[in-house]
């Protein structure tokens, strides 16, 4: 009778401890702000005309190069290369919550950008390297907690010389230090939250080593855009949540295991005797 009581006590403690892991309140929902922008100070491959005024344009949403009087955000397969520009435009740059995102719920649309590739003249400077900065703010809907951080990504670009006349072979190369999901984790109110930011369009993929070598990389991730075409990338994000056991929960689990071990040892001793 005493042995049975001990066994039941051990099992009860372990069951209570295991249940305590999931005893926290439901995970939080989040209001959010995501700001994706270009950082000024990109580097370029030199052209004969050099970076004359307006030959390169840099704002938080636009980075472009080519003919000074040209238009950004357009493609023209049949235009005169001396009057065209290539550009990468972020739209939208700022994404704010219209309604909260639910932890462990559906993903939400985030920022996006598009590369517009025109066949520009070889006398123009062309993009070589730039940086994207992502600023993130998550605030619990009750306002009791806020988490913010910044992540910077490097973009390496190659304006492929238009030598073959084949718009596929002459495609420009865009690479970014963004392999799969970008994630960040933090703990709040008994849960570990993981923020995942990812490419919803499937545009960012591993490129061939021969293409990576053209941007000075042994391995790279990105896309290629044909001449006179455009490539878009739309991002999304998701917040996952998992309960974090509290220290006393571990203590109860260890106590339960200790009692079970003691009962097992006594039982072996009794059988041996």
Protein backbone atom coordinates (compact mmCIF):
# COMPACT_ATOMS: atom_id res chain seq x y z
CA UNK A 1 0.00 0.00 0.00
CA UNK A 2 2.84 2.37 0.90
CA UNK A 3 4.72 1.48 -2.32
CA UNK A 4 1.60 2.13 -4.37
CA UNK A 5 1.12 5.52 -2.68
CA UNK A 6 4.72 6.50 -3.42
CA UNK A 7 4.33 5.53 -7.05
CA UNK A 8 1.14 7.52 -7.37
CA UNK A 9 2.81 10.53 -5.73
CA UNK A 10 5.71 10.43 -8.17
CA UNK A 11 3.43 10.13 -11.16
CA UNK A 12 1.26 12.99 -9.86
CA UNK A 13 4.26 15.30 -9.42
CA UNK A 14 5.56 14.53 -12.93
CA UNK A 15 2.13 15.03 -14.47
CA UNK A 16 1.70 18.36 -12.67
CA UNK A 17 5.16 19.51 -13.72
CA UNK A 18 4.62 18.54 -17.34
CA UNK A 19 1.31 20.38 -17.31
CA UNK A 20 2.95 23.48 -15.87
CA UNK A 21 5.04 23.83 -19.01
CA UNK A 22 1.81 24.72 -20.84
CA UNK A 23 0.16 26.59 -18.00
CA UNK A 24 1.15 30.09 -19.19
CA UNK A 25 -1.37 32.42 -20.75
CA UNK A 26 -1.92 32.24 -24.49
CA UNK A 27 0.89 33.75 -26.60
CA UNK A 28 0.68 37.45 -27.40
CA UNK A 29 -0.57 39.07 -30.60
CA UNK A 30 1.58 41.83 -32.09
CA UNK A 31 1.34 45.22 -33.70
CA UNK A 32 4.28 45.74 -36.03
CA UNK A 33 6.35 48.22 -38.03
CA UNK A 34 8.79 47.09 -40.72
CA UNK A 35 10.97 49.60 -42.54
CA UNK A 36 13.14 48.36 -45.42
CA UNK A 37 15.45 50.96 -46.95
CA UNK A 38 18.64 51.50 -48.91
CA UNK A 39 21.59 52.87 -47.01
CA UNK A 40 23.40 55.64 -48.83
CA UNK A 41 26.99 55.15 -49.90
CA UNK A 42 26.70 52.39 -52.51
CA UNK A 43 29.76 51.59 -54.62
CA UNK A 44 29.83 51.49 -58.40
CA UNK A 45 31.91 50.15 -61.26
CA UNK A 46 33.43 53.09 -63.07
CA UNK A 47 32.21 54.29 -66.44
CA UNK A 48 33.84 56.78 -68.74
CA UNK A 49 31.51 59.54 -67.62
CA UNK A 50 31.97 58.86 -63.92
CA UNK A 51 29.21 59.45 -61.31
CA UNK A 52 28.06 62.78 -62.73
CA UNK A 53 25.13 64.53 -61.03
CA UNK A 54 22.00 62.40 -61.32
CA UNK A 55 23.89 59.62 -63.12
CA UNK A 56 23.38 57.69 -59.88
CA UNK A 57 20.40 58.28 -57.59
CA UNK A 58 20.21 57.12 -54.01
CA UNK A 59 17.24 57.53 -51.71
CA UNK A 60 15.81 55.24 -49.04
CA UNK A 61 13.51 53.68 -51.64
CA UNK A 62 15.47 53.99 -54.91
CA UNK A 63 18.94 53.14 -56.09
CA UNK A 64 19.52 53.64 -59.82
CA UNK A 65 22.19 54.32 -62.42
CA UNK A 66 22.49 55.27 -66.10
CA UNK A 67 21.45 58.24 -68.21
CA UNK A 68 21.10 61.32 -66.01
CA UNK A 69 17.81 62.38 -67.58
CA UNK A 70 16.30 58.88 -67.62
CA UNK A 71 13.30 57.56 -65.73
CA UNK A 72 13.42 55.05 -62.87
CA UNK A 73 11.07 52.10 -62.55
CA UNK A 74 10.61 51.38 -66.27
CA UNK A 75 11.92 48.85 -68.78
CA UNK A 76 12.46 49.33 -72.51
CA UNK A 77 13.87 46.44 -74.51
CA UNK A 78 14.14 48.50 -77.67
CA UNK A 79 15.29 51.86 -76.28
CA UNK A 80 18.54 53.64 -76.99
CA UNK A 81 21.05 52.48 -74.31
CA UNK A 82 22.43 56.02 -74.07
CA UNK A 83 19.08 57.28 -72.72
CA UNK A 84 18.11 54.52 -70.29
CA UNK A 85 18.49 53.76 -66.58
CA UNK A 86 18.46 50.60 -64.47
CA UNK A 87 17.03 50.71 -60.95
CA UNK A 88 16.02 48.75 -57.86
CA UNK A 89 13.01 50.28 -56.14
CA UNK A 90 11.59 49.37 -52.72
CA UNK A 91 7.80 49.66 -52.59
CA UNK A 92 6.51 49.62 -49.96
CA UNK A 93 9.37 50.68 -47.73
CA UNK A 94 7.24 51.05 -44.58
CA UNK A 95 4.73 48.40 -43.49
CA UNK A 96 2.60 49.11 -40.42
CA UNK A 97 -0.04 46.90 -38.87
CA UNK A 98 -3.64 47.58 -39.85
CA UNK A 99 -4.55 44.67 -37.58
CA UNK A 100 -2.29 42.64 -35.26
CA UNK A 101 -0.46 39.52 -36.36
CA UNK A 102 -1.40 36.42 -34.37
CA UNK A 103 1.40 34.29 -32.97
CA UNK A 104 1.40 30.86 -34.66
CA UNK A 105 -1.15 32.22 -37.13
CA UNK A 106 -0.95 33.08 -40.81
CA UNK A 107 1.95 35.03 -42.31
CA UNK A 108 1.51 38.69 -43.23
CA UNK A 109 2.69 40.58 -46.33
CA UNK A 110 5.72 42.78 -45.70
CA UNK A 111 8.04 44.90 -47.85
CA UNK A 112 8.86 44.39 -51.53
CA UNK A 113 11.30 45.57 -54.17
CA UNK A 114 11.71 45.33 -57.95
CA UNK A 115 14.79 45.32 -60.16
CA UNK A 116 14.19 47.08 -63.49
CA UNK A 117 16.88 46.07 -65.97
CA UNK A 118 17.58 48.21 -69.01
CA UNK A 119 20.38 47.82 -71.53
CA UNK A 120 22.36 50.91 -70.60
CA UNK A 121 25.44 52.23 -72.39
CA UNK A 122 28.87 51.02 -71.30
CA UNK A 123 29.97 54.59 -70.58
CA UNK A 124 27.72 54.79 -67.51
CA UNK A 125 28.73 53.73 -64.00
CA UNK A 126 26.89 50.63 -62.76
CA UNK A 127 25.97 49.35 -59.31
CA UNK A 128 28.50 47.11 -57.60
CA UNK A 129 27.57 46.93 -53.90
CA UNK A 130 24.82 48.37 -51.70
CA UNK A 131 23.20 47.65 -48.34
CA UNK A 132 19.59 47.12 -47.35
CA UNK A 133 18.54 47.88 -43.78
CA UNK A 134 15.49 46.32 -42.16
CA UNK A 135 14.16 48.01 -39.00
CA UNK A 136 11.60 45.96 -37.07
CA UNK A 137 9.36 46.92 -34.15
CA UNK A 138 6.96 44.43 -32.53
CA UNK A 139 4.63 45.66 -29.77
CA UNK A 140 2.28 43.41 -27.81
CA UNK A 141 -1.32 44.44 -28.32
CA UNK A 142 -1.72 45.23 -24.61
CA UNK A 143 1.21 47.65 -24.90
CA UNK A 144 3.18 46.04 -22.08
CA UNK A 145 6.15 44.90 -24.17
CA UNK A 146 8.03 46.12 -27.23
CA UNK A 147 10.92 44.55 -29.13
CA UNK A 148 12.90 46.36 -31.82
CA UNK A 149 16.04 45.53 -33.75
CA UNK A 150 17.85 46.21 -37.02
CA UNK A 151 19.26 43.84 -39.60
CA UNK A 152 21.53 44.85 -42.51
CA UNK A 153 21.90 42.87 -45.73
CA UNK A 154 24.61 43.20 -48.39
CA UNK A 155 23.67 43.34 -52.07
CA UNK A 156 26.28 42.57 -54.73
CA UNK A 157 25.32 43.42 -58.28
CA UNK A 158 26.74 42.78 -61.74
CA UNK A 159 25.66 44.78 -64.78
CA UNK A 160 26.55 42.12 -67.34
CA UNK A 161 28.08 43.56 -70.53
CA UNK A 162 25.64 43.36 -73.42
CA UNK A 163 27.97 41.45 -75.67
CA UNK A 164 25.97 38.55 -77.07
CA UNK A 165 22.75 40.26 -78.10
CA UNK A 166 20.89 37.52 -76.21
CA UNK A 167 18.88 39.15 -73.41
CA UNK A 168 19.04 35.90 -71.39
CA UNK A 169 22.84 35.55 -71.63
CA UNK A 170 23.24 39.27 -70.95
CA UNK A 171 21.00 39.12 -67.86
CA UNK A 172 22.17 41.17 -64.87
CA UNK A 173 23.03 39.43 -61.61
CA UNK A 174 21.56 40.42 -58.22
CA UNK A 175 22.82 38.68 -55.09
CA UNK A 176 21.96 39.21 -51.43
CA UNK A 177 23.06 37.75 -48.10
CA UNK A 178 19.62 36.27 -47.55
CA UNK A 179 19.50 32.48 -47.53
CA UNK A 180 16.00 31.19 -46.88
CA UNK A 181 14.30 32.75 -43.87
CA UNK A 182 15.78 35.53 -41.78
CA UNK A 183 14.76 34.93 -38.15
CA UNK A 184 15.16 36.52 -34.73
CA UNK A 185 14.08 35.06 -31.35
CA UNK A 186 13.25 36.60 -27.97
CA UNK A 187 11.47 35.62 -24.75
CA UNK A 188 8.44 37.39 -23.29
CA UNK A 189 5.93 36.37 -20.62
CA UNK A 190 6.71 32.67 -20.60
CA UNK A 191 7.02 32.18 -24.36
CA UNK A 192 9.88 32.16 -26.82
CA UNK A 193 8.89 34.07 -29.97
CA UNK A 194 10.59 33.64 -33.34
CA UNK A 195 10.16 36.30 -36.00
CA UNK A 196 10.60 34.89 -39.54
CA UNK A 197 11.05 37.21 -42.55
CA UNK A 198 11.05 35.41 -45.89
CA UNK A 199 10.71 35.70 -49.65
CA UNK A 200 7.09 34.92 -50.56
CA UNK A 201 7.74 35.00 -54.33
CA UNK A 202 10.51 32.40 -54.46
CA UNK A 203 12.70 34.82 -56.43
CA UNK A 204 15.80 34.48 -54.22
CA UNK A 205 17.55 31.20 -54.99
CA UNK A 206 21.08 29.74 -55.14
CA UNK A 207 22.88 30.83 -58.32
CA UNK A 208 25.39 28.88 -60.38
CA UNK A 209 29.01 29.18 -59.29
CA UNK A 210 29.88 30.73 -62.66
CA UNK A 211 27.39 33.53 -61.96
CA UNK A 212 28.51 33.96 -58.35
CA UNK A 213 32.10 34.39 -59.55
CA UNK A 214 31.03 37.42 -61.58
CA UNK A 215 30.13 39.24 -58.35
CA UNK A 216 33.24 37.97 -56.58
CA UNK A 217 31.54 35.25 -54.53
CA UNK A 218 32.11 31.50 -54.33
CA UNK A 219 28.50 30.91 -53.27
CA UNK A 220 25.63 33.33 -53.67
CA UNK A 221 21.89 33.69 -53.41
CA UNK A 222 19.71 35.91 -55.56
CA UNK A 223 18.31 36.16 -59.10
CA UNK A 224 19.12 37.14 -62.67
CA UNK A 225 17.05 39.67 -64.65
CA UNK A 226 16.91 39.59 -68.42
CA UNK A 227 17.57 42.77 -70.38
CA UNK A 228 14.41 44.83 -70.76
CA UNK A 229 12.68 42.88 -67.99
CA UNK A 230 12.01 43.18 -64.26
CA UNK A 231 12.23 40.90 -61.23
CA UNK A 232 10.12 41.45 -58.13
CA UNK A 233 10.58 40.14 -54.60
CA UNK A 234 7.74 40.27 -52.09
CA UNK A 235 8.52 39.50 -48.48
CA UNK A 236 6.29 38.19 -45.74
CA UNK A 237 6.72 37.50 -42.05
CA UNK A 238 5.40 35.17 -39.39
CA UNK A 239 5.67 35.02 -35.61
CA UNK A 240 5.93 31.60 -33.97
CA UNK A 241 5.56 31.03 -30.23
CA UNK A 242 6.48 28.14 -27.91
CA UNK A 243 6.12 28.03 -24.10
CA UNK A 244 9.28 28.27 -22.02
CA UNK A 245 9.29 26.08 -18.85
CA UNK A 246 9.84 28.07 -15.67
CA UNK A 247 12.68 27.10 -13.24
CA UNK A 248 10.25 25.67 -10.69
CA UNK A 249 8.85 23.44 -13.41
CA UNK A 250 12.27 21.89 -13.92
CA UNK A 251 12.58 21.45 -10.15
CA UNK A 252 9.27 19.58 -10.01
CA UNK A 253 10.26 17.39 -12.91
CA UNK A 254 13.56 16.53 -11.20
CA UNK A 255 11.74 15.83 -7.94
CA UNK A 256 9.33 13.52 -9.73
CA UNK A 257 12.16 11.70 -11.44
CA UNK A 258 13.97 11.39 -8.11
CA UNK A 259 10.96 9.79 -6.42
CA UNK A 260 10.43 7.44 -9.36
CA UNK A 261 14.12 6.43 -9.16
CA UNK A 262 13.87 5.83 -5.41
CA UNK A 263 10.75 3.68 -5.85
CA UNK A 264 12.46 1.69 -8.59
CA UNK A 265 15.52 1.08 -6.42
CA UNK A 266 13.38 -0.05 -3.47
CA UNK A 267 11.42 -2.35 -5.78
CA UNK A 268 14.62 -3.97 -7.10
CA UNK A 269 15.90 -4.38 -3.52
CA UNK A 270 12.58 -5.97 -2.47
CA UNK A 271 12.64 -8.44 -5.37
CA UNK A 272 16.30 -9.29 -4.74
CA UNK A 273 15.56 -9.89 -1.07
